[in-house]
Full PDB file with SEQRES, HELIX, SHEET, SSBOND, CRYST1, ORIGX, SCALE, CONECT and MASTER records, all heavy atoms in Angstrom:
SEQRES   1 A   41  ASN GLU TYR VAL ASP ASP LYS SER GLY ASP VAL TRP LEU          
SEQRES   2 A   41  LEU ASP TYR PRO ASP PRO GLU THR HIS GLY GLY GLY PRO          
SEQRES   3 A   41  PRO ARG ILE ARG LYS ILE ARG PRO LYS GLY SER GLY ASP          
SEQRES   4 A   41  ARG GLN                                                      
HELIX    1 AA1 HIS A   22  GLY A   24  5                                   3    
SHEET    1 AA1 3 GLU A   2  VAL A   4  0                                        
SHEET    2 AA1 3 VAL A  11  ASP A  15 -1                                        
SHEET    3 AA1 3 ARG A  28  ARG A  33 -1                                        
CRYST1    1.000    1.000    1.000  90.00  90.00  90.00 P 1           1          
ORIGX1      1.000000  0.000000  0.000000        0.00000                         
ORIGX2      0.000000  1.000000  0.000000        0.00000                         
ORIGX3      0.000000  0.000000  1.000000        0.00000                         
SCALE1      1.000000  0.000000  0.000000        0.00000                         
SCALE2      0.000000  1.000000  0.000000        0.00000                         
SCALE3      0.000000  0.000000  1.000000        0.00000                         
ATOM      1  N   ASN A   1      -2.391   1.699  -5.848  1.00  0.00           N  
ATOM      2  CA  ASN A   1      -2.528   0.262  -6.074  1.00  0.00           C  
ATOM      3  C   ASN A   1      -2.492  -0.425  -4.721  1.00  0.00           C  
ATOM      4  O   ASN A   1      -1.682  -0.068  -3.867  1.00  0.00           O  
ATOM      5  CB  ASN A   1      -1.387  -0.302  -6.927  1.00  0.00           C  
ATOM      6  CG  ASN A   1      -1.443   0.164  -8.351  1.00  0.00           C  
ATOM      7  OD1 ASN A   1      -2.493   0.462  -8.887  1.00  0.00           O  
ATOM      8  ND2 ASN A   1      -0.293   0.239  -8.981  1.00  0.00           N  
ATOM      9  N   GLU A   2      -3.351  -1.419  -4.543  1.00  0.00           N  
ATOM     10  CA  GLU A   2      -3.362  -2.195  -3.313  1.00  0.00           C  
ATOM     11  C   GLU A   2      -2.836  -3.593  -3.644  1.00  0.00           C  
ATOM     12  O   GLU A   2      -3.232  -4.198  -4.633  1.00  0.00           O  
ATOM     13  CB  GLU A   2      -4.788  -2.270  -2.775  1.00  0.00           C  
ATOM     14  CG  GLU A   2      -4.869  -2.641  -1.336  1.00  0.00           C  
ATOM     15  CD  GLU A   2      -6.256  -2.453  -0.767  1.00  0.00           C  
ATOM     16  OE1 GLU A   2      -6.719  -1.296  -0.696  1.00  0.00           O  
ATOM     17  OE2 GLU A   2      -6.865  -3.469  -0.399  1.00  0.00           O  
ATOM     18  N   TYR A   3      -1.936  -4.081  -2.799  1.00  0.00           N  
ATOM     19  CA  TYR A   3      -1.272  -5.373  -3.000  1.00  0.00           C  
ATOM     20  C   TYR A   3      -1.432  -6.233  -1.762  1.00  0.00           C  
ATOM     21  O   TYR A   3      -1.644  -5.723  -0.664  1.00  0.00           O  
ATOM     22  CB  TYR A   3       0.235  -5.175  -3.228  1.00  0.00           C  
ATOM     23  CG  TYR A   3       0.598  -4.461  -4.492  1.00  0.00           C  
ATOM     24  CD1 TYR A   3       0.674  -3.078  -4.522  1.00  0.00           C  
ATOM     25  CD2 TYR A   3       0.894  -5.169  -5.654  1.00  0.00           C  
ATOM     26  CE1 TYR A   3       1.025  -2.414  -5.688  1.00  0.00           C  
ATOM     27  CE2 TYR A   3       1.251  -4.507  -6.820  1.00  0.00           C  
ATOM     28  CZ  TYR A   3       1.316  -3.135  -6.825  1.00  0.00           C  
ATOM     29  OH  TYR A   3       1.672  -2.478  -7.978  1.00  0.00           O  
ATOM     30  N   VAL A   4      -1.279  -7.545  -1.939  1.00  0.00           N  
ATOM     31  CA  VAL A   4      -1.261  -8.465  -0.807  1.00  0.00           C  
ATOM     32  C   VAL A   4       0.011  -9.311  -0.883  1.00  0.00           C  
ATOM     33  O   VAL A   4       0.468  -9.674  -1.973  1.00  0.00           O  
ATOM     34  CB  VAL A   4      -2.515  -9.360  -0.763  1.00  0.00           C  
ATOM     35  CG1 VAL A   4      -2.590 -10.303  -1.953  1.00  0.00           C  
ATOM     36  CG2 VAL A   4      -2.585 -10.136   0.540  1.00  0.00           C  
ATOM     37  N   ASP A   5       0.561  -9.589   0.271  1.00  0.00           N  
ATOM     38  CA  ASP A   5       1.676 -10.521   0.396  1.00  0.00           C  
ATOM     39  C   ASP A   5       1.054 -11.884   0.669  1.00  0.00           C  
ATOM     40  O   ASP A   5       0.498 -12.122   1.745  1.00  0.00           O  
ATOM     41  CB  ASP A   5       2.584 -10.097   1.551  1.00  0.00           C  
ATOM     42  CG  ASP A   5       3.789 -10.991   1.739  1.00  0.00           C  
ATOM     43  OD1 ASP A   5       3.705 -12.204   1.411  1.00  0.00           O  
ATOM     44  OD2 ASP A   5       4.815 -10.499   2.225  1.00  0.00           O  
ATOM     45  N   ASP A   6       1.111 -12.783  -0.312  1.00  0.00           N  
ATOM     46  CA  ASP A   6       0.461 -14.087  -0.166  1.00  0.00           C  
ATOM     47  C   ASP A   6       1.083 -14.936   0.937  1.00  0.00           C  
ATOM     48  O   ASP A   6       0.420 -15.804   1.486  1.00  0.00           O  
ATOM     49  CB  ASP A   6       0.482 -14.846  -1.490  1.00  0.00           C  
ATOM     50  CG  ASP A   6      -0.497 -14.270  -2.507  1.00  0.00           C  
ATOM     51  OD1 ASP A   6      -1.576 -13.794  -2.087  1.00  0.00           O  
ATOM     52  OD2 ASP A   6      -0.191 -14.301  -3.704  1.00  0.00           O  
ATOM     53  N   LYS A   7       2.320 -14.683   1.276  1.00  0.00           N  
ATOM     54  CA  LYS A   7       2.976 -15.456   2.345  1.00  0.00           C  
ATOM     55  C   LYS A   7       2.504 -15.024   3.724  1.00  0.00           C  
ATOM     56  O   LYS A   7       2.243 -15.852   4.588  1.00  0.00           O  
ATOM     57  CB  LYS A   7       4.489 -15.327   2.254  1.00  0.00           C  
ATOM     58  CG  LYS A   7       5.066 -16.030   1.050  1.00  0.00           C  
ATOM     59  CD  LYS A   7       6.568 -15.902   1.022  1.00  0.00           C  
ATOM     60  CE  LYS A   7       7.115 -16.590  -0.216  1.00  0.00           C  
ATOM     61  NZ  LYS A   7       8.562 -16.458  -0.319  1.00  0.00           N  
ATOM     62  N   SER A   8       2.389 -13.716   3.957  1.00  0.00           N  
ATOM     63  CA  SER A   8       2.033 -13.218   5.288  1.00  0.00           C  
ATOM     64  C   SER A   8       0.565 -12.817   5.407  1.00  0.00           C  
ATOM     65  O   SER A   8       0.038 -12.733   6.512  1.00  0.00           O  
ATOM     66  CB  SER A   8       2.902 -12.014   5.649  1.00  0.00           C  
ATOM     67  OG  SER A   8       2.540 -10.896   4.856  1.00  0.00           O  
ATOM     68  N   GLY A   9      -0.074 -12.495   4.275  1.00  0.00           N  
ATOM     69  CA  GLY A   9      -1.443 -11.995   4.298  1.00  0.00           C  
ATOM     70  C   GLY A   9      -1.537 -10.496   4.493  1.00  0.00           C  
ATOM     71  O   GLY A   9      -2.626  -9.929   4.486  1.00  0.00           O  
ATOM     72  N   ASP A  10      -0.400  -9.815   4.683  1.00  0.00           N  
ATOM     73  CA  ASP A  10      -0.399  -8.363   4.869  1.00  0.00           C  
ATOM     74  C   ASP A  10      -0.835  -7.656   3.590  1.00  0.00           C  
ATOM     75  O   ASP A  10      -0.529  -8.104   2.486  1.00  0.00           O  
ATOM     76  CB  ASP A  10       0.989  -7.860   5.252  1.00  0.00           C  
ATOM     77  CG  ASP A  10       1.457  -8.365   6.609  1.00  0.00           C  
ATOM     78  OD1 ASP A  10       0.601  -8.693   7.449  1.00  0.00           O  
ATOM     79  OD2 ASP A  10       2.672  -8.422   6.822  1.00  0.00           O  
ATOM     80  N   VAL A  11      -1.543  -6.535   3.754  1.00  0.00           N  
ATOM     81  CA  VAL A  11      -2.008  -5.734   2.617  1.00  0.00           C  
ATOM     82  C   VAL A  11      -1.205  -4.433   2.594  1.00  0.00           C  
ATOM     83  O   VAL A  11      -0.996  -3.794   3.628  1.00  0.00           O  
ATOM     84  CB  VAL A  11      -3.522  -5.454   2.718  1.00  0.00           C  
ATOM     85  CG1 VAL A  11      -3.994  -4.599   1.549  1.00  0.00           C  
ATOM     86  CG2 VAL A  11      -4.291  -6.774   2.748  1.00  0.00           C  
ATOM     87  N   TRP A  12      -0.766  -4.058   1.392  1.00  0.00           N  
ATOM     88  CA  TRP A  12       0.105  -2.898   1.182  1.00  0.00           C  
ATOM     89  C   TRP A  12      -0.545  -1.929   0.212  1.00  0.00           C  
ATOM     90  O   TRP A  12      -1.273  -2.333  -0.697  1.00  0.00           O  
ATOM     91  CB  TRP A  12       1.434  -3.356   0.595  1.00  0.00           C  
ATOM     92  CG  TRP A  12       2.227  -4.224   1.515  1.00  0.00           C  
ATOM     93  CD1 TRP A  12       2.039  -5.560   1.759  1.00  0.00           C  
ATOM     94  CD2 TRP A  12       3.335  -3.825   2.311  1.00  0.00           C  
ATOM     95  NE1 TRP A  12       2.958  -6.014   2.660  1.00  0.00           N  
ATOM     96  CE2 TRP A  12       3.774  -4.969   3.014  1.00  0.00           C  
ATOM     97  CE3 TRP A  12       3.999  -2.623   2.502  1.00  0.00           C  
ATOM     98  CZ2 TRP A  12       4.846  -4.924   3.888  1.00  0.00           C  
ATOM     99  CZ3 TRP A  12       5.071  -2.591   3.367  1.00  0.00           C  
ATOM    100  CH2 TRP A  12       5.482  -3.731   4.056  1.00  0.00           C  
ATOM    101  N   LEU A  13      -0.261  -0.637   0.375  1.00  0.00           N  
ATOM    102  CA  LEU A  13      -0.766   0.406  -0.512  1.00  0.00           C  
ATOM    103  C   LEU A  13       0.405   1.134  -1.154  1.00  0.00           C  
ATOM    104  O   LEU A  13       1.292   1.630  -0.456  1.00  0.00           O  
ATOM    105  CB  LEU A  13      -1.615   1.419   0.271  1.00  0.00           C  
ATOM    106  CG  LEU A  13      -2.222   2.529  -0.576  1.00  0.00           C  
ATOM    107  CD1 LEU A  13      -3.343   1.972  -1.450  1.00  0.00           C  
ATOM    108  CD2 LEU A  13      -2.739   3.649   0.307  1.00  0.00           C  
ATOM    109  N   LEU A  14       0.405   1.191  -2.485  1.00  0.00           N  
ATOM    110  CA  LEU A  14       1.387   1.973  -3.238  1.00  0.00           C  
ATOM    111  C   LEU A  14       0.702   3.268  -3.651  1.00  0.00           C  
ATOM    112  O   LEU A  14      -0.380   3.246  -4.252  1.00  0.00           O  
ATOM    113  CB  LEU A  14       1.847   1.215  -4.485  1.00  0.00           C  
ATOM    114  CG  LEU A  14       2.852   1.968  -5.357  1.00  0.00           C  
ATOM    115  CD1 LEU A  14       4.243   1.904  -4.726  1.00  0.00           C  
ATOM    116  CD2 LEU A  14       2.888   1.389  -6.760  1.00  0.00           C  
ATOM    117  N   ASP A  15       1.331   4.394  -3.308  1.00  0.00           N  
ATOM    118  CA  ASP A  15       0.772   5.692  -3.686  1.00  0.00           C  
ATOM    119  C   ASP A  15       1.897   6.661  -4.026  1.00  0.00           C  
ATOM    120  O   ASP A  15       3.074   6.309  -4.000  1.00  0.00           O  
ATOM    121  CB  ASP A  15      -0.143   6.252  -2.593  1.00  0.00           C  
ATOM    122  CG  ASP A  15       0.563   6.512  -1.266  1.00  0.00           C  
ATOM    123  OD1 ASP A  15       1.792   6.291  -1.155  1.00  0.00           O  
ATOM    124  OD2 ASP A  15      -0.111   6.943  -0.317  1.00  0.00           O  
ATOM    125  N   TYR A  16       1.501   7.873  -4.388  1.00  0.00           N  
ATOM    126  CA  TYR A  16       2.434   8.948  -4.747  1.00  0.00           C  
ATOM    127  C   TYR A  16       2.048  10.146  -3.889  1.00  0.00           C  
ATOM    128  O   TYR A  16       1.225  10.967  -4.275  1.00  0.00           O  
ATOM    129  CB  TYR A  16       2.331   9.249  -6.244  1.00  0.00           C  
ATOM    130  CG  TYR A  16       2.756   8.059  -7.082  1.00  0.00           C  
ATOM    131  CD1 TYR A  16       1.871   7.017  -7.352  1.00  0.00           C  
ATOM    132  CD2 TYR A  16       4.049   7.964  -7.553  1.00  0.00           C  
ATOM    133  CE1 TYR A  16       2.278   5.916  -8.088  1.00  0.00           C  
ATOM    134  CE2 TYR A  16       4.464   6.862  -8.295  1.00  0.00           C  
ATOM    135  CZ  TYR A  16       3.567   5.844  -8.556  1.00  0.00           C  
ATOM    136  OH  TYR A  16       3.980   4.748  -9.271  1.00  0.00           O  
ATOM    137  N   PRO A  17       2.626  10.253  -2.671  1.00  0.00           N  
ATOM    138  CA  PRO A  17       2.100  11.146  -1.646  1.00  0.00           C  
ATOM    139  C   PRO A  17       2.565  12.602  -1.689  1.00  0.00           C  
ATOM    140  O   PRO A  17       2.218  13.361  -0.784  1.00  0.00           O  
ATOM    141  CB  PRO A  17       2.588  10.486  -0.356  1.00  0.00           C  
ATOM    142  CG  PRO A  17       3.900   9.890  -0.752  1.00  0.00           C  
ATOM    143  CD  PRO A  17       3.681   9.391  -2.165  1.00  0.00           C  
ATOM    144  N   ASP A  18       3.317  13.006  -2.688  1.00  0.00           N  
ATOM    145  CA  ASP A  18       3.849  14.368  -2.713  1.00  0.00           C  
ATOM    146  C   ASP A  18       3.183  15.187  -3.817  1.00  0.00           C  
ATOM    147  O   ASP A  18       3.744  15.379  -4.893  1.00  0.00           O  
ATOM    148  CB  ASP A  18       5.368  14.339  -2.914  1.00  0.00           C  
ATOM    149  CG  ASP A  18       6.080  13.604  -1.785  1.00  0.00           C  
ATOM    150  OD1 ASP A  18       5.675  13.788  -0.621  1.00  0.00           O  
ATOM    151  OD2 ASP A  18       7.021  12.851  -2.067  1.00  0.00           O  
ATOM    152  N   PRO A  19       1.979  15.714  -3.561  1.00  0.00           N  
ATOM    153  CA  PRO A  19       1.227  16.412  -4.612  1.00  0.00           C  
ATOM    154  C   PRO A  19       1.913  17.664  -5.139  1.00  0.00           C  
ATOM    155  O   PRO A  19       1.644  18.087  -6.260  1.00  0.00           O  
ATOM    156  CB  PRO A  19      -0.108  16.749  -3.939  1.00  0.00           C  
ATOM    157  CG  PRO A  19       0.181  16.730  -2.482  1.00  0.00           C  
ATOM    158  CD  PRO A  19       1.288  15.726  -2.289  1.00  0.00           C  
ATOM    159  N   GLU A  20       2.810  18.256  -4.356  1.00  0.00           N  
ATOM    160  CA  GLU A  20       3.500  19.459  -4.831  1.00  0.00           C  
ATOM    161  C   GLU A  20       4.597  19.138  -5.846  1.00  0.00           C  
ATOM    162  O   GLU A  20       5.125  20.029  -6.498  1.00  0.00           O  
ATOM    163  CB  GLU A  20       4.078  20.253  -3.654  1.00  0.00           C  
ATOM    164  CG  GLU A  20       5.199  19.571  -2.897  1.00  0.00           C  
ATOM    165  CD  GLU A  20       4.742  18.518  -1.885  1.00  0.00           C  
ATOM    166  OE1 GLU A  20       3.532  18.388  -1.609  1.00  0.00           O  
ATOM    167  OE2 GLU A  20       5.623  17.816  -1.371  1.00  0.00           O  
ATOM    168  N   THR A  21       4.929  17.844  -6.000  1.00  0.00           N  
ATOM    169  CA  THR A  21       5.953  17.396  -6.935  1.00  0.00           C  
ATOM    170  C   THR A  21       5.281  16.844  -8.197  1.00  0.00           C  
ATOM    171  O   THR A  21       4.258  16.162  -8.100  1.00  0.00           O  
ATOM    172  CB  THR A  21       6.813  16.287  -6.292  1.00  0.00           C  
ATOM    173  OG1 THR A  21       7.342  16.785  -5.064  1.00  0.00           O  
ATOM    174  CG2 THR A  21       7.938  15.855  -7.174  1.00  0.00           C  
ATOM    175  N   HIS A  22       5.854  17.106  -9.355  1.00  0.00           N  
ATOM    176  CA  HIS A  22       5.308  16.607 -10.614  1.00  0.00           C  
ATOM    177  C   HIS A  22       5.102  15.099 -10.542  1.00  0.00           C  
ATOM    178  O   HIS A  22       6.002  14.356 -10.159  1.00  0.00           O  
ATOM    179  CB  HIS A  22       6.258  16.953 -11.770  1.00  0.00           C  
ATOM    180  CG  HIS A  22       5.767  16.454 -13.090  1.00  0.00           C  
ATOM    181  ND1 HIS A  22       4.710  17.036 -13.742  1.00  0.00           N  
ATOM    182  CD2 HIS A  22       6.170  15.418 -13.855  1.00  0.00           C  
ATOM    183  CE1 HIS A  22       4.496  16.381 -14.871  1.00  0.00           C  
ATOM    184  NE2 HIS A  22       5.369  15.398 -14.959  1.00  0.00           N  
ATOM    185  N   GLY A  23       3.901  14.638 -10.881  1.00  0.00           N  
ATOM    186  CA  GLY A  23       3.598  13.207 -10.874  1.00  0.00           C  
ATOM    187  C   GLY A  23       3.435  12.616  -9.486  1.00  0.00           C  
ATOM    188  O   GLY A  23       3.357  11.413  -9.327  1.00  0.00           O  
ATOM    189  N   GLY A  24       3.390  13.454  -8.457  1.00  0.00           N  
ATOM    190  CA  GLY A  24       3.209  12.960  -7.102  1.00  0.00           C  
ATOM    191  C   GLY A  24       4.488  12.545  -6.412  1.00  0.00           C  
ATOM    192  O   GLY A  24       4.469  12.007  -5.321  1.00  0.00           O  
ATOM    193  N   GLY A  25       5.618  12.776  -7.083  1.00  0.00           N  
ATOM    194  CA  GLY A  25       6.901  12.433  -6.476  1.00  0.00           C  
ATOM    195  C   GLY A  25       7.189  10.947  -6.547  1.00  0.00           C  
ATOM    196  O   GLY A  25       6.515  10.194  -7.235  1.00  0.00           O  
ATOM    197  N   PRO A  26       8.211  10.496  -5.816  1.00  0.00           N  
ATOM    198  CA  PRO A  26       8.565   9.081  -5.851  1.00  0.00           C  
ATOM    199  C   PRO A  26       7.473   8.227  -5.198  1.00  0.00           C  
ATOM    200  O   PRO A  26       6.787   8.684  -4.283  1.00  0.00           O  
ATOM    201  CB  PRO A  26       9.867   9.003  -5.052  1.00  0.00           C  
ATOM    202  CG  PRO A  26       9.959  10.258  -4.290  1.00  0.00           C  
ATOM    203  CD  PRO A  26       9.105  11.275  -4.974  1.00  0.00           C  
ATOM    204  N   PRO A  27       7.313   6.999  -5.673  1.00  0.00           N  
ATOM    205  CA  PRO A  27       6.284   6.133  -5.099  1.00  0.00           C  
ATOM    206  C   PRO A  27       6.622   5.769  -3.655  1.00  0.00           C  
ATOM    207  O   PRO A  27       7.781   5.743  -3.247  1.00  0.00           O  
ATOM    208  CB  PRO A  27       6.310   4.893  -5.989  1.00  0.00           C  
ATOM    209  CG  PRO A  27       7.670   4.872  -6.567  1.00  0.00           C  
ATOM    210  CD  PRO A  27       8.088   6.310  -6.710  1.00  0.00           C  
ATOM    211  N   ARG A  28       5.559   5.485  -2.906  1.00  0.00           N  
ATOM    212  CA  ARG A  28       5.696   5.024  -1.524  1.00  0.00           C  
ATOM    213  C   ARG A  28       4.828   3.776  -1.388  1.00  0.00           C  
ATOM    214  O   ARG A  28       3.709   3.727  -1.904  1.00  0.00           O  
ATOM    215  CB  ARG A  28       5.190   6.098  -0.569  1.00  0.00           C  
ATOM    216  CG  ARG A  28       5.027   5.612   0.871  1.00  0.00           C  
ATOM    217  CD  ARG A  28       4.476   6.682   1.774  1.00  0.00           C  
ATOM    218  NE  ARG A  28       3.085   7.001   1.434  1.00  0.00           N  
ATOM    219  CZ  ARG A  28       2.330   7.853   2.121  1.00  0.00           C  
ATOM    220  NH1 ARG A  28       2.818   8.493   3.150  1.00  0.00           N  
ATOM    221  NH2 ARG A  28       1.090   8.089   1.738  1.00  0.00           N  
ATOM    222  N   ILE A  29       5.324   2.771  -0.701  1.00  0.00           N  
ATOM    223  CA  ILE A  29       4.500   1.613  -0.373  1.00  0.00           C  
ATOM    224  C   ILE A  29       4.531   1.449   1.139  1.00  0.00           C  
ATOM    225  O   ILE A  29       5.578   1.611   1.769  1.00  0.00           O  
ATOM    226  CB  ILE A  29       4.941   0.338  -1.117  1.00  0.00           C  
ATOM    227  CG1 ILE A  29       3.866  -0.732  -0.990  1.00  0.00           C  
ATOM    228  CG2 ILE A  29       6.308  -0.139  -0.673  1.00  0.00           C  
ATOM    229  CD1 ILE A  29       4.008  -1.891  -1.945  1.00  0.00           C  
ATOM    230  N   ARG A  30       3.353   1.171   1.694  1.00  0.00           N  
ATOM    231  CA  ARG A  30       3.267   1.008   3.144  1.00  0.00           C  
ATOM    232  C   ARG A  30       2.215  -0.031   3.489  1.00  0.00           C  
ATOM    233  O   ARG A  30       1.241  -0.223   2.751  1.00  0.00           O  
ATOM    234  CB  ARG A  30       2.949   2.335   3.822  1.00  0.00           C  
ATOM    235  CG  ARG A  30       1.693   2.980   3.334  1.00  0.00           C  
ATOM    236  CD  ARG A  30       1.622   4.450   3.745  1.00  0.00           C  
ATOM    237  NE  ARG A  30       0.583   5.113   2.997  1.00  0.00           N  
ATOM    238  CZ  ARG A  30      -0.643   5.345   3.444  1.00  0.00           C  
ATOM    239  NH1 ARG A  30      -0.982   4.987   4.663  1.00  0.00           N  
ATOM    240  NH2 ARG A  30      -1.527   5.957   2.686  1.00  0.00           N  
ATOM    241  N   LYS A  31       2.446  -0.705   4.606  1.00  0.00           N  
ATOM    242  CA  LYS A  31       1.505  -1.717   5.063  1.00  0.00           C  
ATOM    243  C   LYS A  31       0.274  -1.011   5.610  1.00  0.00           C  
ATOM    244  O   LYS A  31       0.383  -0.130   6.454  1.00  0.00           O  
ATOM    245  CB  LYS A  31       2.143  -2.572   6.145  1.00  0.00           C  
ATOM    246  CG  LYS A  31       1.360  -3.815   6.468  1.00  0.00           C  
ATOM    247  CD  LYS A  31       1.943  -4.609   7.619  1.00  0.00           C  
ATOM    248  CE  LYS A  31       3.373  -4.987   7.407  1.00  0.00           C  
ATOM    249  NZ  LYS A  31       3.876  -5.841   8.505  1.00  0.00           N  
ATOM    250  N   ILE A  32      -0.914  -1.407   5.102  1.00  0.00           N  
ATOM    251  CA  ILE A  32      -2.136  -0.771   5.585  1.00  0.00           C  
ATOM    252  C   ILE A  32      -2.985  -1.714   6.423  1.00  0.00           C  
ATOM    253  O   ILE A  32      -3.788  -1.263   7.222  1.00  0.00           O  
ATOM    254  CB  ILE A  32      -2.971  -0.172   4.432  1.00  0.00           C  
ATOM    255  CG1 ILE A  32      -3.349  -1.220   3.408  1.00  0.00           C  
ATOM    256  CG2 ILE A  32      -2.237   1.000   3.805  1.00  0.00           C  
ATOM    257  CD1 ILE A  32      -4.356  -0.733   2.371  1.00  0.00           C  
ATOM    258  N   ARG A  33      -2.815  -3.029   6.227  1.00  0.00           N  
ATOM    259  CA  ARG A  33      -3.552  -3.993   7.040  1.00  0.00           C  
ATOM    260  C   ARG A  33      -2.675  -5.199   7.302  1.00  0.00           C  
ATOM    261  O   ARG A  33      -2.325  -5.928   6.384  1.00  0.00           O  
ATOM    262  CB  ARG A  33      -4.826  -4.446   6.327  1.00  0.00           C  
ATOM    263  CG  ARG A  33      -5.950  -3.459   6.391  1.00  0.00           C  
ATOM    264  CD  ARG A  33      -7.292  -4.095   6.079  1.00  0.00           C  
ATOM    265  NE  ARG A  33      -7.305  -4.896   4.882  1.00  0.00           N  
ATOM    266  CZ  ARG A  33      -7.670  -4.459   3.678  1.00  0.00           C  
ATOM    267  NH1 ARG A  33      -8.041  -3.226   3.507  1.00  0.00           N  
ATOM    268  NH2 ARG A  33      -7.662  -5.268   2.642  1.00  0.00           N  
ATOM    269  N   PRO A  34      -2.338  -5.425   8.557  1.00  0.00           N  
ATOM    270  CA  PRO A  34      -1.593  -6.650   8.864  1.00  0.00           C  
ATOM    271  C   PRO A  34      -2.502  -7.875   8.749  1.00  0.00           C  
ATOM    272  O   PRO A  34      -3.728  -7.756   8.780  1.00  0.00           O  
ATOM    273  CB  PRO A  34      -1.123  -6.450  10.285  1.00  0.00           C  
ATOM    274  CG  PRO A  34      -1.871  -5.315  10.843  1.00  0.00           C  
ATOM    275  CD  PRO A  34      -2.508  -4.578   9.703  1.00  0.00           C  
ATOM    276  N   LYS A  35      -1.896  -9.016   8.619  1.00  0.00           N  
ATOM    277  CA  LYS A  35      -2.613 -10.284   8.514  1.00  0.00           C  
ATOM    278  C   LYS A  35      -3.672 -10.399   9.605  1.00  0.00           C  
ATOM    279  O   LYS A  35      -3.413 -10.101  10.758  1.00  0.00           O  
ATOM    280  CB  LYS A  35      -1.602 -11.428   8.636  1.00  0.00           C  
ATOM    281  CG  LYS A  35      -2.221 -12.798   8.574  1.00  0.00           C  
ATOM    282  CD  LYS A  35      -1.150 -13.837   8.728  1.00  0.00           C  
ATOM    283  CE  LYS A  35      -1.752 -15.202   8.736  1.00  0.00           C  
ATOM    284  NZ  LYS A  35      -0.747 -16.236   8.874  1.00  0.00           N  
ATOM    285  N   GLY A  36      -4.870 -10.821   9.186  1.00  0.00           N  
ATOM    286  CA  GLY A  36      -5.935 -11.086  10.141  1.00  0.00           C  
ATOM    287  C   GLY A  36      -6.652  -9.872  10.688  1.00  0.00           C  
ATOM    288  O   GLY A  36      -7.396  -9.973  11.648  1.00  0.00           O  
ATOM    289  N   SER A  37      -6.483  -8.706  10.078  1.00  0.00           N  
ATOM    290  CA  SER A  37      -7.095  -7.501  10.647  1.00  0.00           C  
ATOM    291  C   SER A  37      -8.308  -7.020   9.856  1.00  0.00           C  
ATOM    292  O   SER A  37      -8.608  -5.846   9.850  1.00  0.00           O  
ATOM    293  CB  SER A  37      -6.070  -6.381  10.735  1.00  0.00           C  
ATOM    294  OG  SER A  37      -5.720  -5.967   9.438  1.00  0.00           O  
ATOM    295  N   GLY A  38      -8.976  -7.892   9.171  1.00  0.00           N  
ATOM    296  CA  GLY A  38     -10.172  -7.449   8.437  1.00  0.00           C  
ATOM    297  C   GLY A  38     -10.306  -8.141   7.105  1.00  0.00           C  
ATOM    298  O   GLY A  38      -9.575  -9.065   6.782  1.00  0.00           O  
ATOM    299  N   ASP A  39     -11.281  -7.682   6.360  1.00  0.00           N  
ATOM    300  CA  ASP A  39     -11.591  -8.284   5.060  1.00  0.00           C  
ATOM    301  C   ASP A  39     -10.486  -8.041   4.061  1.00  0.00           C  
ATOM    302  O   ASP A  39      -9.920  -6.981   3.991  1.00  0.00           O  
ATOM    303  CB  ASP A  39     -12.882  -7.702   4.496  1.00  0.00           C  
ATOM    304  CG  ASP A  39     -14.081  -8.017   5.381  1.00  0.00           C  
ATOM    305  OD1 ASP A  39     -13.942  -8.822   6.317  1.00  0.00           O  
ATOM    306  OD2 ASP A  39     -15.138  -7.446   5.113  1.00  0.00           O  
ATOM    307  N   ARG A  40     -10.197  -9.066   3.285  1.00  0.00           N  
ATOM    308  CA  ARG A  40      -9.258  -8.953   2.156  1.00  0.00           C  
ATOM    309  C   ARG A  40      -9.995  -9.385   0.911  1.00  0.00           C  
ATOM    310  O   ARG A  40     -10.840 -10.270   0.966  1.00  0.00           O  
ATOM    311  CB  ARG A  40      -8.039  -9.854   2.374  1.00  0.00           C  
ATOM    312  CG  ARG A  40      -6.984  -9.155   3.127  1.00  0.00           C  
ATOM    313  CD  ARG A  40      -5.746 -10.027   3.205  1.00  0.00           C  
ATOM    314  NE  ARG A  40      -5.431 -10.142   4.613  1.00  0.00           N  
ATOM    315  CZ  ARG A  40      -5.708 -11.180   5.368  1.00  0.00           C  
ATOM    316  NH1 ARG A  40      -6.250 -12.241   4.891  1.00  0.00           N  
ATOM    317  NH2 ARG A  40      -5.400 -11.182   6.631  1.00  0.00           N  
ATOM    318  N   GLN A  41      -9.666  -8.789  -0.183  1.00  0.00           N  
ATOM    319  CA  GLN A  41     -10.321  -9.135  -1.451  1.00  0.00           C  
ATOM    320  C   GLN A  41      -9.477 -10.101  -2.225  1.00  0.00           C  
ATOM    321  O   GLN A  41      -8.313 -10.167  -2.144  1.00  0.00           O  
ATOM    322  CB  GLN A  41     -10.561  -7.892  -2.273  1.00  0.00           C  
ATOM    323  CG  GLN A  41     -11.486  -6.960  -1.544  1.00  0.00           C  
ATOM    324  CD  GLN A  41     -11.688  -5.674  -2.318  1.00  0.00           C  
ATOM    325  OE1 GLN A  41     -11.007  -5.390  -3.297  1.00  0.00           O  
ATOM    326  NE2 GLN A  41     -12.606  -4.867  -1.862  1.00  0.00           N  
TER     327      GLN A  41                                                      
MASTER        0    0    0    1    3    0    0    6  326    1    0    4          
END                                                                             
């Protein structure tokens, strides 16, 4: 899932990065685009 912080404009990605674990393991969210670094939808 891709999210945006409406206050800062930062874009975040929620994923499940541990394929060896059932269901991909615990969720991870990380900033993928800081404010002003490209197109946002």
